[in-house]
Amino acid sequence: MRSSNPVFSRRGFSRDNGYAGFNAAPQAGGPAVGTQGNPYAQGNPYAQQGGNPYAQNPYAQQDLQYGAPPQAPVTTGRMTMDDVVMRSAMTLGTVAVGAILAWALLPVSSTSYGLAIGSALVAFVLAMVQNFKRTASPALILGYAAFEGVFLGVISEMYNSRWSGAPFQAVLGTMAVAGATLLVYKAGWIRVTARYARIGMTIAIAFVVVMAVNLLLVVFGVAEDGGLRSMGPLGAIVGILAILIGAFFLTLDFKQIEDGITYGAPKDEAWIAAFALTMTLVWIYVEMLRLVAIFSGDD
């Protein structure tokens, strides 16, 4: 099963090797001690793509020679936490700039709403193109962030015009979810295993399918007032579930980053990590914005 996250559907998740190498069992005649479970050595999730791009990982060779557990990379050209933080800041900063400009320059109107939908579609296309590329493209990722920012700026302004302060509350809520998820992940209260990922992905895919069907029912007039996405209690329950799914994706993001740093992924992989984090945080923010509006009522 592959992830519905456009990044993880290509990187780190495969049917045969588990999810991002989580709990991947060594194969008969498989890698020597120190390379087992290393997603960037022989037992890695990229094997189905015609070879391991990290097969020459010097840390895997050292582990094979000395029988020691894999260590964090110390050589240049490898992904570090600083790389991930810097690129994530650039990507999220681009989203923020796009949102601020859209809010400031585009008044609430049917035209701006159409522009928001168009920007969202362009962002989706750019995300899909990056998804199918074999390497990270900073231009595509930053382009995605810019168009996503325009979309968020327009819809945030629309929500704010009816529910004053809703975007600010949604930002705080998104930060709270991200911070809490990171806390429980680092504390070890959540262990990202293959079973955990399979169950979470099954729920996430089912959610997306149900929401797609609900959208069609609303479009064709079968479901009224947004159906499952109504502004009432049912809509609130669906929104909370969507935020929990976003938190689940964050744990996968954190695991992917942790493994990449531990096993010496190439430095460019930091762009993929930033891309994944941005998409997940956008998901959470949009759902949080709806949830704030629901709890605010008609005020």
Protein backbone atom coordinates (compact mmCIF):
# COMPACT_ATOMS: atom_id res chain seq x y z
CA MET A 1 0.00 0.00 0.00
CA ARG A 2 1.28 3.44 -0.84
CA SER A 3 0.75 6.66 1.03
CA SER A 4 -1.73 9.24 -0.17
CA ASN A 5 0.87 11.85 0.64
CA PRO A 6 2.32 12.76 -2.80
CA VAL A 7 5.83 12.73 -1.36
CA PHE A 8 5.62 9.44 0.52
CA SER A 9 3.87 7.64 -2.33
CA ARG A 10 7.28 7.67 -4.03
CA ARG A 11 9.70 7.86 -1.16
CA GLY A 12 9.86 5.53 1.79
CA PHE A 13 6.75 3.40 1.42
CA SER A 14 6.45 0.15 -0.47
CA ARG A 15 4.46 -3.02 -0.16
CA ASP A 16 7.37 -5.39 0.15
CA ASN A 17 9.62 -3.46 2.51
CA GLY A 18 7.09 -1.87 4.82
CA TYR A 19 6.79 1.83 5.42
CA ALA A 20 9.97 3.87 5.27
CA GLY A 21 11.82 0.75 6.33
CA PHE A 22 9.89 0.63 9.61
CA ASN A 23 10.45 -2.76 11.22
CA ALA A 24 11.53 -4.21 7.89
CA ALA A 25 12.67 -7.77 8.50
CA PRO A 26 16.06 -8.74 7.04
CA GLN A 27 15.84 -11.13 4.14
CA ALA A 28 17.64 -14.45 3.92
CA GLY A 29 21.14 -13.79 2.73
CA GLY A 30 20.46 -10.13 3.41
CA PRO A 31 22.71 -7.35 4.68
CA ALA A 32 25.25 -7.86 7.41
CA VAL A 33 24.91 -6.55 10.94
CA GLY A 34 24.59 -2.78 11.04
CA THR A 35 22.79 -2.46 7.73
CA GLN A 36 19.58 -4.24 8.78
CA GLY A 37 16.65 -1.83 9.07
CA ASN A 38 18.65 0.94 7.38
CA PRO A 39 16.27 2.40 4.76
CA TYR A 40 19.29 3.80 2.93
CA ALA A 41 21.17 0.50 2.80
CA GLN A 42 20.15 -2.81 1.23
CA GLY A 43 16.90 -3.28 3.12
CA ASN A 44 15.44 -0.01 2.00
CA PRO A 45 12.06 1.02 0.56
CA TYR A 46 13.61 2.32 -2.66
CA ALA A 47 14.51 -1.14 -3.87
CA GLN A 48 11.48 -1.35 -6.17
CA GLN A 49 12.63 1.67 -8.13
CA GLY A 50 15.47 -0.04 -9.89
CA GLY A 51 18.20 0.08 -7.31
CA ASN A 52 19.16 1.68 -4.04
CA PRO A 53 20.29 5.29 -4.58
CA TYR A 54 22.15 5.07 -1.28
CA ALA A 55 23.78 1.68 -1.86
CA GLN A 56 27.21 3.27 -1.55
CA ASN A 57 26.35 4.75 1.84
CA PRO A 58 29.78 4.96 3.56
CA TYR A 59 28.09 4.45 6.90
CA ALA A 60 26.62 1.17 5.74
CA GLN A 61 30.12 0.08 4.69
CA GLN A 62 31.53 1.06 8.08
CA ASP A 63 28.75 -0.83 9.83
CA LEU A 64 29.51 -3.90 7.73
CA GLN A 65 33.18 -3.72 8.59
CA TYR A 66 32.96 -3.08 12.29
CA GLY A 67 29.57 -4.57 13.10
CA ALA A 68 28.53 -1.35 14.82
CA PRO A 69 25.06 0.22 14.69
CA PRO A 70 24.59 2.93 12.07
CA GLN A 71 25.69 6.37 13.19
CA ALA A 72 24.51 9.81 12.14
CA PRO A 73 26.39 11.14 9.12
CA VAL A 74 29.32 13.46 9.73
CA THR A 75 30.52 13.93 6.17
CA THR A 76 29.48 16.71 3.86
CA GLY A 77 26.76 16.22 1.28
CA ARG A 78 24.46 14.44 3.73
CA MET A 79 21.15 15.68 5.05
CA THR A 80 21.25 17.28 8.50
CA MET A 81 18.59 18.72 10.77
CA ASP A 82 19.85 22.20 9.93
CA ASP A 83 19.19 21.47 6.25
CA VAL A 84 15.64 20.36 6.99
CA VAL A 85 14.95 23.37 9.22
CA MET A 86 16.37 25.84 6.69
CA ARG A 87 14.45 24.44 3.72
CA SER A 88 11.27 24.09 5.73
CA ALA A 89 11.59 27.74 6.75
CA MET A 90 12.06 28.74 3.12
CA THR A 91 9.06 26.71 1.95
CA LEU A 92 6.72 27.78 4.76
CA GLY A 93 7.99 31.35 4.42
CA THR A 94 7.02 31.31 0.74
CA VAL A 95 3.55 30.08 1.69
CA ALA A 96 3.25 32.88 4.24
CA VAL A 97 4.40 35.58 1.79
CA GLY A 98 1.95 34.35 -0.86
CA ALA A 99 -0.87 34.34 1.67
CA ILE A 100 -0.10 37.83 2.96
CA LEU A 101 0.09 39.29 -0.55
CA ALA A 102 -3.14 37.60 -1.61
CA TRP A 103 -4.92 38.85 1.50
CA ALA A 104 -3.64 42.39 1.02
CA LEU A 105 -4.13 42.70 -2.74
CA LEU A 106 -7.24 40.63 -3.46
CA PRO A 107 -10.54 41.84 -1.99
CA VAL A 108 -13.18 39.27 -1.12
CA SER A 109 -15.16 38.63 -4.31
CA SER A 110 -16.19 35.90 -6.71
CA THR A 111 -13.11 36.76 -8.77
CA SER A 112 -10.74 36.22 -5.88
CA TYR A 113 -12.53 32.98 -5.02
CA GLY A 114 -11.99 31.76 -8.59
CA LEU A 115 -8.35 32.77 -8.34
CA ALA A 116 -8.02 30.78 -5.13
CA ILE A 117 -9.41 27.65 -6.81
CA GLY A 118 -7.09 28.17 -9.77
CA SER A 119 -4.08 28.61 -7.48
CA ALA A 120 -4.99 25.44 -5.60
CA LEU A 121 -5.16 23.50 -8.88
CA VAL A 122 -1.79 24.84 -10.01
CA ALA A 123 -0.29 23.94 -6.63
CA PHE A 124 -1.71 20.43 -6.97
CA VAL A 125 -0.22 20.01 -10.45
CA LEU A 126 3.20 21.21 -9.27
CA ALA A 127 3.01 18.79 -6.34
CA MET A 128 2.23 15.91 -8.68
CA VAL A 129 5.09 16.83 -11.03
CA GLN A 130 7.49 16.89 -8.08
CA ASN A 131 6.05 13.61 -6.91
CA PHE A 132 6.99 11.84 -10.14
CA LYS A 133 10.45 13.37 -10.39
CA ARG A 134 13.32 11.19 -9.21
CA THR A 135 15.06 14.12 -7.55
CA ALA A 136 13.94 17.13 -5.55
CA SER A 137 13.32 20.31 -7.51
CA PRO A 138 13.51 23.44 -5.32
CA ALA A 139 11.83 25.48 -8.07
CA LEU A 140 8.81 23.17 -8.15
CA ILE A 141 8.58 23.00 -4.38
CA LEU A 142 8.80 26.77 -3.92
CA GLY A 143 6.38 27.26 -6.81
CA TYR A 144 3.94 24.93 -5.09
CA ALA A 145 4.40 26.90 -1.87
CA ALA A 146 3.73 30.23 -3.61
CA PHE A 147 0.48 29.11 -5.26
CA GLU A 148 -0.63 27.35 -2.10
CA GLY A 149 0.01 30.58 -0.25
CA VAL A 150 -2.26 32.51 -2.63
CA PHE A 151 -5.01 29.95 -2.08
CA LEU A 152 -4.64 30.12 1.70
CA GLY A 153 -4.53 33.92 1.68
CA VAL A 154 -7.80 34.24 -0.23
CA ILE A 155 -9.76 31.67 1.78
CA SER A 156 -8.35 33.01 5.05
CA GLU A 157 -9.56 36.50 4.14
CA MET A 158 -12.98 35.08 3.28
CA TYR A 159 -13.23 33.28 6.62
CA ASN A 160 -12.00 36.36 8.48
CA SER A 161 -14.64 38.55 6.84
CA ARG A 162 -17.34 36.37 8.41
CA TRP A 163 -15.60 35.00 11.50
CA SER A 164 -13.23 37.70 12.64
CA GLY A 165 -9.95 36.30 13.95
CA ALA A 166 -10.55 32.78 12.62
CA PRO A 167 -7.28 32.62 10.58
CA PHE A 168 -5.20 33.71 13.59
CA GLN A 169 -6.87 31.07 15.76
CA ALA A 170 -6.31 28.48 13.03
CA VAL A 171 -2.61 29.33 12.90
CA LEU A 172 -2.34 28.94 16.67
CA GLY A 173 -4.26 25.66 16.47
CA THR A 174 -1.98 24.35 13.73
CA MET A 175 1.10 25.25 15.77
CA ALA A 176 -0.40 23.53 18.81
CA VAL A 177 -1.13 20.33 16.87
CA ALA A 178 2.34 20.29 15.31
CA GLY A 179 4.04 20.98 18.64
CA ALA A 180 2.04 18.36 20.51
CA THR A 181 2.65 15.77 17.80
CA LEU A 182 6.39 16.43 17.86
CA LEU A 183 6.38 16.18 21.66
CA VAL A 184 4.66 12.81 21.79
CA TYR A 185 6.83 11.53 18.93
CA LYS A 186 10.11 12.56 20.58
CA ALA A 187 8.91 11.22 23.93
CA GLY A 188 8.39 7.82 22.32
CA TRP A 189 4.69 7.72 23.11
CA ILE A 190 4.05 7.05 19.43
CA ARG A 191 6.13 4.44 17.66
CA VAL A 192 5.96 4.71 13.89
CA THR A 193 5.95 1.07 12.81
CA ALA A 194 4.76 -0.67 9.67
CA ARG A 195 1.54 -1.71 11.39
CA TYR A 196 0.93 1.82 12.66
CA ALA A 197 1.48 3.24 9.18
CA ARG A 198 -0.76 0.65 7.49
CA ILE A 199 -3.64 1.30 9.87
CA GLY A 200 -3.24 5.07 9.60
CA MET A 201 -3.01 4.99 5.82
CA THR A 202 -6.11 2.82 5.57
CA ILE A 203 -8.06 5.35 7.65
CA ALA A 204 -6.64 8.29 5.67
CA ILE A 205 -7.46 6.75 2.28
CA ALA A 206 -10.98 5.84 3.43
CA PHE A 207 -11.45 9.42 4.66
CA VAL A 208 -10.36 10.91 1.32
CA VAL A 209 -12.65 8.56 -0.62
CA VAL A 210 -15.64 9.36 1.60
CA MET A 211 -14.97 13.12 1.30
CA ALA A 212 -14.74 12.81 -2.50
CA VAL A 213 -18.09 11.01 -2.62
CA ASN A 214 -19.58 13.60 -0.28
CA LEU A 215 -18.36 16.39 -2.57
CA LEU A 216 -20.03 14.77 -5.58
CA LEU A 217 -23.28 14.38 -3.65
CA VAL A 218 -23.19 18.05 -2.69
CA VAL A 219 -22.39 19.18 -6.24
CA PHE A 220 -25.31 17.20 -7.67
CA GLY A 221 -27.69 18.38 -4.96
CA VAL A 222 -28.14 15.00 -3.29
CA ALA A 223 -26.61 16.13 0.02
CA GLU A 224 -27.67 19.47 1.45
CA ASP A 225 -25.72 22.00 3.52
CA GLY A 226 -22.39 20.42 2.68
CA GLY A 227 -23.36 16.91 3.71
CA LEU A 228 -20.63 15.56 5.99
CA ARG A 229 -18.92 18.92 5.67
CA SER A 230 -21.79 20.87 7.19
CA MET A 231 -21.20 23.68 9.67
CA GLY A 232 -22.89 21.71 12.44
CA PRO A 233 -21.86 19.00 14.91
CA LEU A 234 -21.31 16.39 12.17
CA GLY A 235 -18.99 18.76 10.33
CA ALA A 236 -17.08 19.37 13.57
CA ILE A 237 -16.58 15.63 14.11
CA VAL A 238 -15.33 15.21 10.53
CA GLY A 239 -13.01 18.20 10.99
CA ILE A 240 -11.50 16.77 14.18
CA LEU A 241 -10.93 13.45 12.41
CA ALA A 242 -9.22 15.28 9.54
CA ILE A 243 -6.90 17.06 11.98
CA LEU A 244 -6.03 13.75 13.64
CA ILE A 245 -5.17 12.35 10.21
CA GLY A 246 -2.96 15.39 9.65
CA ALA A 247 -1.19 14.66 12.94
CA PHE A 248 -0.70 11.08 11.77
CA PHE A 249 0.99 12.34 8.61
CA LEU A 250 3.23 14.54 10.75
CA THR A 251 4.50 11.47 12.59
CA LEU A 252 5.37 9.89 9.24
CA ASP A 253 7.15 13.11 8.26
CA PHE A 254 9.15 13.09 11.50
CA LYS A 255 10.11 9.43 11.05
CA GLN A 256 11.21 10.01 7.47
CA ILE A 257 13.38 12.95 8.53
CA GLU A 258 14.85 11.02 11.43
CA ASP A 259 15.75 8.05 9.24
CA GLY A 260 17.20 10.28 6.53
CA ILE A 261 19.53 11.99 8.98
CA THR A 262 20.49 8.79 10.78
CA TYR A 263 21.35 6.87 7.64
CA GLY A 264 22.94 9.68 5.66
CA ALA A 265 20.43 10.60 2.98
CA PRO A 266 21.68 13.07 0.35
CA LYS A 267 21.40 16.73 1.26
CA ASP A 268 18.76 17.37 -1.42
CA GLU A 269 16.38 15.10 0.46
CA ALA A 270 15.92 17.98 2.89
CA TRP A 271 13.78 19.65 0.21
CA ILE A 272 11.54 16.59 0.10
CA ALA A 273 11.24 16.68 3.89
CA ALA A 274 10.29 20.37 3.76
CA PHE A 275 7.79 19.66 0.98
CA ALA A 276 6.10 16.92 2.99
CA LEU A 277 5.94 19.02 6.15
CA THR A 278 4.47 21.96 4.25
CA MET A 279 1.72 19.87 2.68
CA THR A 280 0.83 18.33 6.02
CA LEU A 281 0.73 21.69 7.82
CA VAL A 282 -1.42 23.18 5.05
CA TRP A 283 -3.84 20.26 5.47
CA ILE A 284 -4.04 20.86 9.23
CA TYR A 285 -4.45 24.63 8.84
CA VAL A 286 -7.34 24.35 6.37
CA GLU A 287 -9.14 21.86 8.60
CA MET A 288 -8.45 23.97 11.67
CA LEU A 289 -9.86 27.03 9.88
CA ARG A 290 -13.12 25.18 9.20
CA LEU A 291 -13.26 23.90 12.75
CA VAL A 292 -12.80 27.38 14.21
CA ALA A 293 -15.60 28.66 11.97
CA ILE A 294 -17.92 25.86 13.10
CA PHE A 295 -17.31 26.53 16.79
CA SER A 296 -17.70 30.28 16.22
CA GLY A 297 -21.21 29.76 14.89
CA ASP A 298 -22.89 32.67 13.12
CA ASP A 299 -21.19 35.31 15.24
